[in-house]
Amino acid sequence: MINFSINENIDIVALYAAFTATVALFWNIWNKINDRPRIIIKVRPGYKIVGNPLFEEIHQGKVYMIVDVTNRGTQSTTIKNLGMHIYKSRINAFFKIKPRLFAIPLTQLDPTRTKELPQTIKPGEHWTGHVLQNNLEKEIPKNGISRVYIVHSFSDKPVEKTFKL
């Protein structure tokens, strides 16, 4: 049996304070762990330029892949480069065995809107890159897996997104 002291109200207040302090400790640990950039990548292949006669002439017969990068975290980061891993099979992709590595040069569709790399993106900001897709189709095997990746300043590990052409 629990032996309470003379004043039970003080014990209840002490228990409440201990519980609140424990919750606050775990909340601070959770916030510290998640205080980083969260990079989300979307890859949209198969785009053609239409609607602007000047751009249509320059980009006639070219197909582009659009890469959108969004920072949904709490810290800024700098996108250093954009690349691609191509694996021969799903097994190779799962175990990351011998990928073919590609550095992706960006295409300036509209120099006033597309920003060159490296590019700093703050929390909530968005960056879009345009990649010429025409030559990629012959590089990817029929049953292969292709992943676009970005390398950013906050982590040594690249952020990857699998896509299909």
N, C-alpha and C. Protein backbone atom coordinates (compact mmCIF):
# COMPACT_ATOMS: atom_id res chain seq x y z
N MET A 1 0.84 -1.18 0.00
CA MET A 1 0.00 0.00 0.00
C MET A 1 0.88 1.24 0.00
N ILE A 2 0.44 2.25 -0.72
CA ILE A 2 1.19 3.49 -0.83
C ILE A 2 0.93 4.34 0.40
N ASN A 3 2.01 4.83 0.97
CA ASN A 3 1.91 5.66 2.16
C ASN A 3 2.01 7.12 1.75
N PHE A 4 0.89 7.85 1.84
CA PHE A 4 0.88 9.27 1.50
C PHE A 4 1.34 10.09 2.68
N SER A 5 1.85 11.28 2.34
CA SER A 5 2.27 12.19 3.41
C SER A 5 1.04 12.86 4.01
N ILE A 6 1.28 13.81 4.87
CA ILE A 6 0.19 14.46 5.60
C ILE A 6 -0.77 15.17 4.65
N ASN A 7 -0.22 15.84 3.63
CA ASN A 7 -1.06 16.61 2.73
C ASN A 7 -1.11 15.90 1.37
N GLU A 8 -2.24 15.28 1.02
CA GLU A 8 -2.37 14.55 -0.25
C GLU A 8 -2.34 15.48 -1.45
N ASN A 9 -2.75 16.72 -1.31
CA ASN A 9 -2.75 17.67 -2.43
C ASN A 9 -1.33 17.91 -2.94
N ILE A 10 -0.36 17.95 -2.07
CA ILE A 10 1.02 18.17 -2.48
C ILE A 10 1.52 16.99 -3.31
N ASP A 11 1.17 15.76 -2.94
CA ASP A 11 1.57 14.59 -3.71
C ASP A 11 0.95 14.60 -5.11
N ILE A 12 -0.29 15.00 -5.22
CA ILE A 12 -0.95 15.08 -6.53
C ILE A 12 -0.27 16.14 -7.39
N VAL A 13 0.05 17.26 -6.81
CA VAL A 13 0.73 18.33 -7.54
C VAL A 13 2.12 17.87 -7.98
N ALA A 14 2.81 17.14 -7.12
CA ALA A 14 4.13 16.63 -7.48
C ALA A 14 4.04 15.62 -8.62
N LEU A 15 3.05 14.73 -8.59
CA LEU A 15 2.86 13.78 -9.68
C LEU A 15 2.54 14.50 -10.99
N TYR A 16 1.67 15.51 -10.92
CA TYR A 16 1.32 16.28 -12.12
C TYR A 16 2.56 17.00 -12.67
N ALA A 17 3.38 17.56 -11.82
CA ALA A 17 4.59 18.26 -12.26
C ALA A 17 5.58 17.28 -12.89
N ALA A 18 5.73 16.11 -12.30
CA ALA A 18 6.65 15.11 -12.86
C ALA A 18 6.16 14.64 -14.23
N PHE A 19 4.85 14.41 -14.36
CA PHE A 19 4.29 13.99 -15.64
C PHE A 19 4.48 15.09 -16.70
N THR A 20 4.20 16.32 -16.36
CA THR A 20 4.34 17.45 -17.30
C THR A 20 5.80 17.62 -17.71
N ALA A 21 6.72 17.50 -16.79
CA ALA A 21 8.14 17.63 -17.11
C ALA A 21 8.60 16.51 -18.05
N THR A 22 8.10 15.31 -17.83
CA THR A 22 8.46 14.17 -18.70
C THR A 22 7.93 14.37 -20.11
N VAL A 23 6.69 14.80 -20.22
CA VAL A 23 6.11 15.08 -21.54
C VAL A 23 6.90 16.19 -22.23
N ALA A 24 7.25 17.24 -21.52
CA ALA A 24 8.03 18.34 -22.10
C ALA A 24 9.41 17.87 -22.55
N LEU A 25 10.03 16.98 -21.79
CA LEU A 25 11.34 16.44 -22.17
C LEU A 25 11.23 15.67 -23.49
N PHE A 26 10.25 14.77 -23.59
CA PHE A 26 10.09 14.01 -24.83
C PHE A 26 9.70 14.91 -26.01
N TRP A 27 8.90 15.94 -25.76
CA TRP A 27 8.55 16.89 -26.82
C TRP A 27 9.79 17.62 -27.33
N ASN A 28 10.66 18.04 -26.45
CA ASN A 28 11.90 18.72 -26.86
C ASN A 28 12.83 17.78 -27.62
N ILE A 29 12.92 16.53 -27.20
CA ILE A 29 13.74 15.55 -27.93
C ILE A 29 13.16 15.34 -29.32
N TRP A 30 11.85 15.19 -29.44
CA TRP A 30 11.18 15.00 -30.73
C TRP A 30 11.46 16.20 -31.66
N ASN A 31 11.33 17.40 -31.12
CA ASN A 31 11.58 18.60 -31.94
C ASN A 31 13.03 18.70 -32.38
N LYS A 32 13.96 18.33 -31.52
CA LYS A 32 15.38 18.38 -31.87
C LYS A 32 15.71 17.38 -32.98
N ILE A 33 15.13 16.18 -32.89
CA ILE A 33 15.37 15.16 -33.92
C ILE A 33 14.80 15.62 -35.26
N ASN A 34 13.64 16.26 -35.26
CA ASN A 34 12.98 16.65 -36.49
C ASN A 34 13.31 18.06 -36.95
N ASP A 35 14.26 18.72 -36.32
CA ASP A 35 14.67 20.07 -36.71
C ASP A 35 15.69 19.96 -37.84
N ARG A 36 15.19 19.70 -39.04
CA ARG A 36 16.04 19.49 -40.21
C ARG A 36 15.20 19.74 -41.45
N PRO A 37 15.84 19.85 -42.61
CA PRO A 37 15.05 19.94 -43.84
C PRO A 37 14.45 18.59 -44.19
N ARG A 38 13.23 18.59 -44.68
CA ARG A 38 12.58 17.39 -45.22
C ARG A 38 12.40 17.63 -46.70
N ILE A 39 13.17 16.94 -47.50
CA ILE A 39 13.19 17.16 -48.94
C ILE A 39 12.21 16.19 -49.61
N ILE A 40 11.29 16.74 -50.39
CA ILE A 40 10.32 15.95 -51.15
C ILE A 40 10.62 16.17 -52.63
N ILE A 41 10.77 15.07 -53.38
CA ILE A 41 11.06 15.16 -54.81
C ILE A 41 9.87 14.59 -55.58
N LYS A 42 9.47 15.30 -56.63
CA LYS A 42 8.46 14.79 -57.57
C LYS A 42 9.09 14.82 -58.95
N VAL A 43 8.95 13.71 -59.68
CA VAL A 43 9.50 13.60 -61.03
C VAL A 43 8.34 13.41 -61.98
N ARG A 44 8.27 14.28 -62.99
CA ARG A 44 7.18 14.21 -63.96
C ARG A 44 7.78 14.16 -65.37
N PRO A 45 7.90 12.95 -65.94
CA PRO A 45 8.46 12.84 -67.29
C PRO A 45 7.42 13.06 -68.38
N GLY A 46 7.91 13.31 -69.59
CA GLY A 46 7.05 13.35 -70.76
C GLY A 46 6.43 14.68 -71.11
N TYR A 47 7.06 15.79 -70.79
CA TYR A 47 6.50 17.10 -71.08
C TYR A 47 7.08 17.69 -72.35
N LYS A 48 6.21 18.30 -73.15
CA LYS A 48 6.61 19.02 -74.35
C LYS A 48 6.26 20.49 -74.17
N ILE A 49 6.98 21.35 -74.86
CA ILE A 49 6.75 22.79 -74.76
C ILE A 49 5.69 23.20 -75.79
N VAL A 50 4.62 23.82 -75.31
CA VAL A 50 3.56 24.34 -76.18
C VAL A 50 3.10 25.70 -75.64
N GLY A 51 2.44 26.45 -76.49
CA GLY A 51 1.83 27.69 -76.02
C GLY A 51 2.62 28.95 -76.30
N ASN A 52 3.92 28.85 -76.46
CA ASN A 52 4.75 30.02 -76.74
C ASN A 52 5.50 29.75 -78.05
N PRO A 53 5.18 30.48 -79.13
CA PRO A 53 5.80 30.19 -80.43
C PRO A 53 7.33 30.25 -80.40
N LEU A 54 7.90 31.16 -79.63
CA LEU A 54 9.36 31.25 -79.55
C LEU A 54 9.94 29.99 -78.93
N PHE A 55 9.37 29.52 -77.84
CA PHE A 55 9.85 28.30 -77.19
C PHE A 55 9.57 27.06 -78.03
N GLU A 56 8.44 27.04 -78.72
CA GLU A 56 8.08 25.87 -79.54
C GLU A 56 9.11 25.64 -80.64
N GLU A 57 9.60 26.71 -81.26
CA GLU A 57 10.62 26.56 -82.31
C GLU A 57 11.93 26.03 -81.74
N ILE A 58 12.35 26.58 -80.63
CA ILE A 58 13.63 26.18 -80.03
C ILE A 58 13.57 24.74 -79.53
N HIS A 59 12.47 24.34 -78.96
CA HIS A 59 12.35 23.04 -78.30
C HIS A 59 11.54 22.04 -79.14
N GLN A 60 11.52 22.22 -80.43
CA GLN A 60 10.77 21.34 -81.34
C GLN A 60 11.28 19.90 -81.23
N GLY A 61 10.39 18.95 -80.95
CA GLY A 61 10.74 17.54 -80.89
C GLY A 61 11.45 17.11 -79.62
N LYS A 62 11.60 18.00 -78.67
CA LYS A 62 12.28 17.66 -77.41
C LYS A 62 11.25 17.35 -76.34
N VAL A 63 11.56 16.35 -75.54
CA VAL A 63 10.70 15.95 -74.43
C VAL A 63 11.49 16.20 -73.15
N TYR A 64 10.81 16.74 -72.14
CA TYR A 64 11.47 17.12 -70.90
C TYR A 64 10.89 16.36 -69.72
N MET A 65 11.74 16.20 -68.71
CA MET A 65 11.34 15.64 -67.43
C MET A 65 11.44 16.80 -66.43
N ILE A 66 10.39 17.01 -65.67
CA ILE A 66 10.38 18.08 -64.69
C ILE A 66 10.66 17.48 -63.32
N VAL A 67 11.63 18.06 -62.62
CA VAL A 67 11.99 17.61 -61.27
C VAL A 67 11.64 18.74 -60.31
N ASP A 68 10.69 18.47 -59.42
CA ASP A 68 10.28 19.44 -58.40
C ASP A 68 10.87 19.04 -57.06
N VAL A 69 11.50 19.98 -56.38
CA VAL A 69 12.08 19.73 -55.07
C VAL A 69 11.46 20.73 -54.09
N THR A 70 10.89 20.21 -52.99
CA THR A 70 10.26 21.05 -51.98
C THR A 70 10.89 20.76 -50.63
N ASN A 71 11.14 21.81 -49.86
CA ASN A 71 11.67 21.67 -48.51
C ASN A 71 10.50 21.84 -47.54
N ARG A 72 10.07 20.74 -46.93
CA ARG A 72 8.97 20.77 -45.98
C ARG A 72 9.46 20.72 -44.53
N GLY A 73 10.74 20.92 -44.33
CA GLY A 73 11.31 20.85 -43.00
C GLY A 73 11.36 22.21 -42.32
N THR A 74 12.22 22.30 -41.31
CA THR A 74 12.34 23.52 -40.51
C THR A 74 13.66 24.24 -40.73
N GLN A 75 14.58 23.66 -41.50
CA GLN A 75 15.89 24.26 -41.74
C GLN A 75 16.09 24.48 -43.24
N SER A 76 16.87 25.49 -43.59
CA SER A 76 17.25 25.71 -44.99
C SER A 76 18.30 24.69 -45.40
N THR A 77 18.38 24.42 -46.70
CA THR A 77 19.41 23.56 -47.24
C THR A 77 19.76 24.03 -48.64
N THR A 78 20.90 23.61 -49.13
CA THR A 78 21.34 23.98 -50.46
C THR A 78 21.38 22.73 -51.33
N ILE A 79 20.66 22.77 -52.45
CA ILE A 79 20.72 21.67 -53.41
C ILE A 79 22.03 21.83 -54.16
N LYS A 80 22.90 20.82 -54.05
CA LYS A 80 24.21 20.91 -54.68
C LYS A 80 24.21 20.38 -56.11
N ASN A 81 23.63 19.20 -56.32
CA ASN A 81 23.56 18.67 -57.68
C ASN A 81 22.41 17.70 -57.84
N LEU A 82 22.16 17.39 -59.10
CA LEU A 82 21.06 16.54 -59.49
C LEU A 82 21.64 15.42 -60.33
N GLY A 83 21.20 14.19 -60.09
CA GLY A 83 21.74 13.06 -60.84
C GLY A 83 20.73 11.95 -60.97
N MET A 84 21.21 10.83 -61.52
CA MET A 84 20.33 9.69 -61.73
C MET A 84 21.09 8.40 -61.51
N HIS A 85 20.42 7.43 -60.88
CA HIS A 85 20.91 6.06 -60.76
C HIS A 85 20.01 5.19 -61.63
N ILE A 86 20.61 4.35 -62.46
CA ILE A 86 19.84 3.40 -63.26
C ILE A 86 20.33 2.00 -62.92
N TYR A 87 19.40 1.15 -62.48
CA TYR A 87 19.71 -0.23 -62.10
C TYR A 87 19.16 -1.17 -63.15
N LYS A 88 19.85 -2.31 -63.35
CA LYS A 88 19.42 -3.29 -64.35
C LYS A 88 18.14 -4.02 -63.95
N SER A 89 17.93 -4.21 -62.65
CA SER A 89 16.76 -4.97 -62.20
C SER A 89 16.30 -4.45 -60.84
N ARG A 90 15.15 -4.95 -60.40
CA ARG A 90 14.63 -4.57 -59.08
C ARG A 90 15.53 -5.07 -57.95
N ILE A 91 16.12 -6.25 -58.14
CA ILE A 91 17.01 -6.80 -57.12
C ILE A 91 18.23 -5.91 -56.96
N ASN A 92 18.82 -5.48 -58.08
CA ASN A 92 19.96 -4.58 -58.01
C ASN A 92 19.58 -3.26 -57.35
N ALA A 93 18.38 -2.76 -57.63
CA ALA A 93 17.93 -1.51 -57.04
C ALA A 93 17.72 -1.66 -55.53
N PHE A 94 17.14 -2.81 -55.12
CA PHE A 94 16.89 -3.03 -53.70
C PHE A 94 18.19 -3.06 -52.91
N PHE A 95 19.19 -3.78 -53.44
CA PHE A 95 20.47 -3.90 -52.74
C PHE A 95 21.48 -2.83 -53.16
N LYS A 96 21.07 -1.94 -54.08
CA LYS A 96 21.92 -0.86 -54.60
C LYS A 96 23.22 -1.40 -55.17
N ILE A 97 23.08 -2.41 -56.04
CA ILE A 97 24.23 -3.06 -56.66
C ILE A 97 24.50 -2.43 -58.02
N LYS A 98 25.70 -1.93 -58.21
CA LYS A 98 26.21 -1.42 -59.46
C LYS A 98 25.23 -0.55 -60.25
N PRO A 99 24.87 0.58 -59.73
CA PRO A 99 24.03 1.46 -60.54
C PRO A 99 24.87 2.17 -61.60
N ARG A 100 24.25 2.50 -62.71
CA ARG A 100 24.88 3.39 -63.68
C ARG A 100 24.58 4.79 -63.20
N LEU A 101 25.60 5.60 -63.07
CA LEU A 101 25.44 6.94 -62.51
C LEU A 101 25.44 7.98 -63.62
N PHE A 102 24.53 8.93 -63.51
CA PHE A 102 24.43 10.02 -64.47
C PHE A 102 24.37 11.34 -63.73
N ALA A 103 25.15 12.30 -64.19
CA ALA A 103 24.98 13.67 -63.73
C ALA A 103 24.02 14.32 -64.70
N ILE A 104 23.05 15.06 -64.19
CA ILE A 104 22.03 15.64 -65.05
C ILE A 104 22.28 17.14 -65.20
N PRO A 105 22.61 17.57 -66.42
CA PRO A 105 22.68 19.02 -66.65
C PRO A 105 21.27 19.57 -66.80
N LEU A 106 21.03 20.72 -66.24
CA LEU A 106 19.70 21.31 -66.32
C LEU A 106 19.55 22.10 -67.60
N THR A 107 18.34 22.16 -68.10
CA THR A 107 18.03 22.91 -69.30
C THR A 107 17.33 24.20 -68.90
N GLN A 108 17.80 25.31 -69.42
CA GLN A 108 17.20 26.59 -69.12
C GLN A 108 16.03 26.83 -70.07
N LEU A 109 14.83 26.41 -69.70
CA LEU A 109 13.66 26.69 -70.53
C LEU A 109 13.34 28.17 -70.50
N ASP A 110 13.36 28.73 -69.32
CA ASP A 110 13.09 30.16 -69.15
C ASP A 110 14.07 30.67 -68.10
N PRO A 111 15.15 31.38 -68.54
CA PRO A 111 16.19 31.82 -67.60
C PRO A 111 15.68 32.71 -66.48
N THR A 112 14.52 33.33 -66.66
CA THR A 112 14.00 34.20 -65.60
C THR A 112 13.37 33.40 -64.47
N ARG A 113 13.03 32.12 -64.72
CA ARG A 113 12.34 31.32 -63.70
C ARG A 113 13.18 30.16 -63.18
N THR A 114 13.97 29.50 -64.03
CA THR A 114 14.76 28.36 -63.61
C THR A 114 16.05 28.86 -62.98
N LYS A 115 16.37 28.35 -61.80
CA LYS A 115 17.57 28.79 -61.10
C LYS A 115 18.63 27.70 -61.19
N GLU A 116 19.86 28.11 -61.42
CA GLU A 116 20.99 27.18 -61.53
C GLU A 116 21.32 26.58 -60.17
N LEU A 117 22.01 25.45 -60.21
CA LEU A 117 22.49 24.83 -58.99
C LEU A 117 23.92 25.28 -58.74
N PRO A 118 24.35 25.41 -57.52
CA PRO A 118 23.65 25.16 -56.25
C PRO A 118 22.59 26.23 -55.98
N GLN A 119 21.54 25.79 -55.30
CA GLN A 119 20.41 26.67 -55.01
C GLN A 119 19.95 26.42 -53.58
N THR A 120 19.85 27.49 -52.78
CA THR A 120 19.38 27.37 -51.40
C THR A 120 17.86 27.43 -51.38
N ILE A 121 17.26 26.46 -50.70
CA ILE A 121 15.81 26.50 -50.52
C ILE A 121 15.50 26.52 -49.03
N LYS A 122 14.72 27.49 -48.65
CA LYS A 122 14.33 27.67 -47.25
C LYS A 122 13.10 26.81 -46.96
N PRO A 123 12.72 26.67 -45.69
CA PRO A 123 11.52 25.89 -45.37
C PRO A 123 10.31 26.43 -46.12
N GLY A 124 9.59 25.51 -46.77
CA GLY A 124 8.40 25.88 -47.53
C GLY A 124 8.67 26.31 -48.96
N GLU A 125 9.94 26.46 -49.35
CA GLU A 125 10.25 26.89 -50.71
C GLU A 125 10.32 25.70 -51.65
N HIS A 126 10.32 26.03 -52.95
CA HIS A 126 10.20 25.05 -54.01
C HIS A 126 11.22 25.38 -55.09
N TRP A 127 11.81 24.36 -55.69
CA TRP A 127 12.74 24.53 -56.82
C TRP A 127 12.33 23.57 -57.92
N THR A 128 12.39 24.02 -59.16
CA THR A 128 12.03 23.19 -60.30
C THR A 128 13.19 23.14 -61.28
N GLY A 129 13.52 21.93 -61.73
CA GLY A 129 14.55 21.73 -62.75
C GLY A 129 13.95 21.03 -63.95
N HIS A 130 14.44 21.38 -65.14
CA HIS A 130 13.98 20.76 -66.38
C HIS A 130 15.12 19.96 -66.97
N VAL A 131 14.86 18.70 -67.27
CA VAL A 131 15.89 17.79 -67.76
C VAL A 131 15.46 17.28 -69.14
N LEU A 132 16.36 17.36 -70.10
CA LEU A 132 16.06 16.85 -71.44
C LEU A 132 15.97 15.33 -71.35
N GLN A 133 14.84 14.78 -71.78
CA GLN A 133 14.55 13.36 -71.58
C GLN A 133 14.85 12.51 -72.82
N ASN A 134 15.03 13.11 -73.97
CA ASN A 134 15.13 12.36 -75.23
C ASN A 134 16.18 11.25 -75.19
N ASN A 135 17.35 11.50 -74.64
CA ASN A 135 18.42 10.50 -74.63
C ASN A 135 18.31 9.51 -73.48
N LEU A 136 17.49 9.79 -72.49
CA LEU A 136 17.38 8.89 -71.33
C LEU A 136 16.69 7.58 -71.68
N GLU A 137 15.76 7.63 -72.62
CA GLU A 137 14.94 6.45 -72.91
C GLU A 137 15.78 5.27 -73.39
N LYS A 138 16.85 5.53 -74.13
CA LYS A 138 17.69 4.42 -74.59
C LYS A 138 18.69 3.95 -73.53
N GLU A 139 18.88 4.70 -72.47
CA GLU A 139 19.80 4.33 -71.40
C GLU A 139 19.17 3.42 -70.36
N ILE A 140 17.84 3.47 -70.22
CA ILE A 140 17.16 2.71 -69.18
C ILE A 140 16.75 1.35 -69.73
N PRO A 141 17.19 0.24 -69.11
CA PRO A 141 16.78 -1.09 -69.57
C PRO A 141 15.27 -1.29 -69.41
N LYS A 142 14.73 -2.26 -70.17
CA LYS A 142 13.28 -2.48 -70.17
C LYS A 142 12.74 -2.79 -68.77
N ASN A 143 13.40 -3.64 -68.01
CA ASN A 143 12.96 -3.98 -66.65
C ASN A 143 13.77 -3.23 -65.60
N GLY A 144 14.45 -2.20 -66.00
CA GLY A 144 15.32 -1.48 -65.08
C GLY A 144 14.55 -0.51 -64.19
N ILE A 145 15.24 -0.07 -63.17
CA ILE A 145 14.70 0.91 -62.22
C ILE A 145 15.54 2.18 -62.35
N SER A 146 14.87 3.30 -62.47
CA SER A 146 15.57 4.57 -62.57
C SER A 146 15.16 5.48 -61.42
N ARG A 147 16.14 6.15 -60.85
CA ARG A 147 15.90 7.04 -59.72
C ARG A 147 16.62 8.36 -59.94
N VAL A 148 15.90 9.43 -59.75
CA VAL A 148 16.51 10.76 -59.74
C VAL A 148 16.93 11.01 -58.30
N TYR A 149 18.09 11.63 -58.13
CA TYR A 149 18.52 11.95 -56.77
C TYR A 149 19.05 13.37 -56.72
N ILE A 150 18.96 13.96 -55.54
CA ILE A 150 19.61 15.25 -55.30
C ILE A 150 20.53 15.09 -54.11
N VAL A 151 21.60 15.84 -54.13
CA VAL A 151 22.52 15.92 -53.00
C VAL A 151 22.36 17.32 -52.43
N HIS A 152 22.13 17.39 -51.12
CA HIS A 152 21.97 18.70 -50.49
C HIS A 152 22.93 18.85 -49.33
N SER A 153 23.08 20.08 -48.89
CA SER A 153 24.13 20.42 -47.93
C SER A 153 23.88 19.89 -46.52
N PHE A 154 22.69 19.53 -46.18
CA PHE A 154 22.39 19.13 -44.81
C PHE A 154 22.70 17.66 -44.55
N SER A 155 22.87 16.86 -45.62
CA SER A 155 23.09 15.44 -45.44
C SER A 155 24.05 14.92 -46.51
N ASP A 156 24.84 13.92 -46.14
CA ASP A 156 25.72 13.27 -47.11
C ASP A 156 24.97 12.25 -47.95
N LYS A 157 23.83 11.80 -47.46
CA LYS A 157 23.04 10.79 -48.16
C LYS A 157 22.11 11.48 -49.16
N PRO A 158 22.14 11.06 -50.45
CA PRO A 158 21.24 11.69 -51.41
C PRO A 158 19.78 11.31 -51.18
N VAL A 159 18.89 12.21 -51.58
CA VAL A 159 17.46 11.95 -51.52
C VAL A 159 17.05 11.45 -52.91
N GLU A 160 16.38 10.28 -52.97
CA GLU A 160 16.08 9.64 -54.24
C GLU A 160 14.57 9.55 -54.46
N LYS A 161 14.19 9.52 -55.74
CA LYS A 161 12.80 9.31 -56.14
C LYS A 161 12.79 8.42 -57.37
N THR A 162 12.10 7.28 -57.28
CA THR A 162 11.99 6.34 -58.40
C THR A 162 10.94 6.86 -59.37
N PHE A 163 11.21 6.68 -60.68
CA PHE A 163 10.26 7.12 -61.69
C PHE A 163 10.28 6.16 -62.87
N LYS A 164 9.24 6.25 -63.70
CA LYS A 164 9.16 5.48 -64.95
C LYS A 164 8.94 6.45 -66.08
N LEU A 165 9.59 6.15 -67.21
CA LEU A 165 9.38 6.98 -68.40
C LEU A 165 8.16 6.53 -69.15
